[in-house]
Structures are given as C-alpha cells and as structure tokens.
Protein backbone atom coordinates (compact mmCIF):
# COMPACT_ATOMS: atom_id res chain seq x y z
CA MET A 1 94.43 39.32 90.01
CA PRO A 2 94.96 35.57 90.42
CA TYR A 3 96.84 34.25 93.41
CA ILE A 4 99.65 31.81 92.71
CA TYR A 5 99.96 28.91 95.12
CA SER A 6 103.55 27.85 95.68
CA GLN A 7 104.38 24.40 96.92
CA ALA A 8 107.95 25.29 97.85
CA LYS A 9 109.26 23.49 100.91
CA ILE A 10 109.18 25.69 104.00
CA PRO A 11 111.85 24.53 106.46
CA LEU A 12 110.28 24.54 109.91
CA GLU A 13 112.58 24.86 112.90
CA GLU A 14 111.65 23.91 116.45
CA SER A 15 113.12 27.20 117.66
CA LEU A 16 114.55 30.34 116.12
CA THR A 17 116.02 33.68 117.09
CA ILE A 18 115.77 37.07 115.42
CA ASN A 19 119.26 38.18 116.48
CA PRO A 20 120.76 37.90 112.95
CA PHE A 21 118.07 40.27 111.62
CA VAL A 22 118.39 43.01 114.24
CA SER A 23 120.65 46.01 113.74
CA LYS A 24 123.72 46.04 115.95
CA ASP A 25 122.60 49.47 117.18
CA GLU A 26 119.32 48.08 118.51
CA GLU A 27 118.81 46.18 121.72
CA CYS A 28 117.77 42.60 121.03
CA PRO A 29 116.29 40.22 123.58
CA SER A 30 118.36 37.09 123.98
CA SER A 31 115.22 35.00 123.89
CA LYS A 32 114.20 32.28 121.48
CA TYR A 33 110.94 31.72 119.70
CA HIS A 34 109.59 28.17 119.92
CA LEU A 35 107.26 26.57 117.39
CA ARG A 36 103.76 26.37 118.85
CA GLY A 37 101.55 25.60 115.86
CA VAL A 38 101.40 25.14 112.10
CA VAL A 39 98.46 25.66 109.74
CA HIS A 40 98.52 23.59 106.54
CA HIS A 41 96.58 24.21 103.34
CA ILE A 42 95.98 21.58 100.68
CA GLY A 43 94.47 22.99 97.51
CA GLY A 44 94.98 25.23 94.50
CA THR A 45 93.99 28.58 96.05
CA ALA A 46 93.41 30.05 99.48
CA PHE A 47 89.70 30.14 98.65
CA SER A 48 89.40 26.43 97.97
CA GLY A 49 90.96 23.33 99.41
CA HIS A 50 91.36 21.91 102.88
CA TYR A 51 93.01 23.25 106.02
CA THR A 52 94.63 21.16 108.76
CA ALA A 53 96.72 22.17 111.77
CA CYS A 54 99.32 20.92 114.20
CA ASP A 55 99.25 22.38 117.68
CA LYS A 56 101.50 21.89 120.68
CA ARG A 57 99.26 21.16 123.67
CA THR A 58 100.10 21.01 127.35
CA LEU A 59 98.66 17.83 128.81
CA LYS A 60 98.46 17.11 132.51
CA GLU A 61 99.81 13.79 133.68
CA ASP A 62 97.43 11.39 135.38
CA GLY A 63 97.52 11.28 139.17
CA GLU A 64 98.06 8.14 141.22
CA ASP A 65 94.38 7.24 140.88
CA GLY A 66 94.56 7.43 137.08
CA LYS A 67 92.43 10.57 136.90
CA LYS A 68 93.44 13.95 135.60
CA SER A 69 94.05 16.31 138.49
CA ALA A 70 93.80 20.09 138.61
CA GLU A 71 96.22 20.03 141.54
CA ASN A 72 99.17 18.89 139.44
CA THR A 73 102.03 21.36 139.33
CA SER A 74 103.40 22.69 136.06
CA GLN A 75 106.25 20.19 136.43
CA ASP A 76 103.70 17.41 135.93
CA ASN A 77 102.60 18.85 132.59
CA LYS A 78 103.78 17.32 129.34
CA GLU A 79 103.74 18.97 125.92
CA GLN A 80 102.38 16.93 123.03
CA TRP A 81 101.90 17.74 119.34
CA VAL A 82 98.37 17.11 118.06
CA PHE A 83 97.39 17.01 114.38
CA PHE A 84 93.87 18.28 113.66
CA ASP A 85 91.96 17.32 110.52
CA ASP A 86 88.31 18.36 110.65
CA ARG A 87 86.92 16.87 113.87
CA ALA A 88 89.69 14.32 114.36
CA GLY A 89 92.79 14.93 116.44
CA SER A 90 95.74 12.57 116.72
CA LYS A 91 98.97 12.72 118.71
CA LYS A 92 102.12 13.26 116.65
CA ASP A 93 105.80 13.86 117.28
CA LEU A 94 107.98 16.82 116.32
CA GLU A 95 109.36 14.96 113.29
CA PHE A 96 105.86 14.73 111.81
CA VAL A 97 105.35 18.48 112.30
CA THR A 98 108.70 19.76 111.02
CA GLY A 99 110.29 16.92 109.07
CA THR A 100 107.74 15.54 106.64
CA GLU A 101 107.93 16.92 103.11
CA ARG A 102 104.13 17.00 102.82
CA ASN A 103 103.82 19.30 105.84
CA GLN A 104 106.68 21.51 104.62
CA ARG A 105 105.08 21.94 101.19
CA ASN A 106 101.59 22.59 102.61
CA CYS A 107 102.71 25.03 105.32
CA TYR A 108 100.41 28.04 105.22
CA MET A 109 101.37 29.65 108.53
CA ALA A 110 103.85 28.83 111.32
CA LEU A 111 103.14 30.18 114.80
CA TYR A 112 106.01 30.81 117.22
CA GLU A 113 105.91 31.77 120.90
CA LEU A 114 108.53 33.92 122.62
CA LYS A 115 110.15 32.06 125.51
CA LYS A 116 112.28 34.09 127.90
C-alpha cells in the first residue's frame, strides 16, 4: 500500500487548549499546551527525504564575568528557538517556526508541553 504525502498547510499555534474537545461531563484541566518542538520532513515519502527540526531551548544568561553560570536562577533563563539541519543549529524566532509557509507544509510532527 503506497503512502500519500500531503503538503497541506498545518497551522501551528504557539499554545492550544483541549477544552473544546472535552465532554462537558468530564473534568478538564484549565491548562494550556505550549509548542515545544516541530519535526519537518522534506521529501516524497516517509522513507526518503530529509528531516529537520525546530526546538525551544532554555538558555542560561551570561553572568557578570561573561561566562555561563550554573548558579543562575530560573529567572535568568531565556527560551530560544533553534532550527536543526543535520549538524548545524541556528537561532530562530517564533515567526520562523509557526509562520513560514515552508515549515507549515513540511510539518511532520508538532510537540506540545502541558503548562499548568
């Protein structure tokens, strides 16, 4: 059975909630899911082509001496999107991850994290 590869645009949202999809009789957490990563596939089938990824990383801010410090509190941490293509990684913004048509059409998997 051949697999058909669709290049339909997948709208990626920075955050989403499942509340509209939960029965009114069920208890639903009032939490949101936040986009944490996206896997892209460029190619005709899942067995051939090229995979890339965008990942939201937590980076520690430099200390006063310009060096990374393990003593920094979580308030000193900054989240940054990074685009990975083979061995190369480059910093990107949210618009690159969610807003570019190329990334929407090549979206293979979107990974969300539950934030309470």
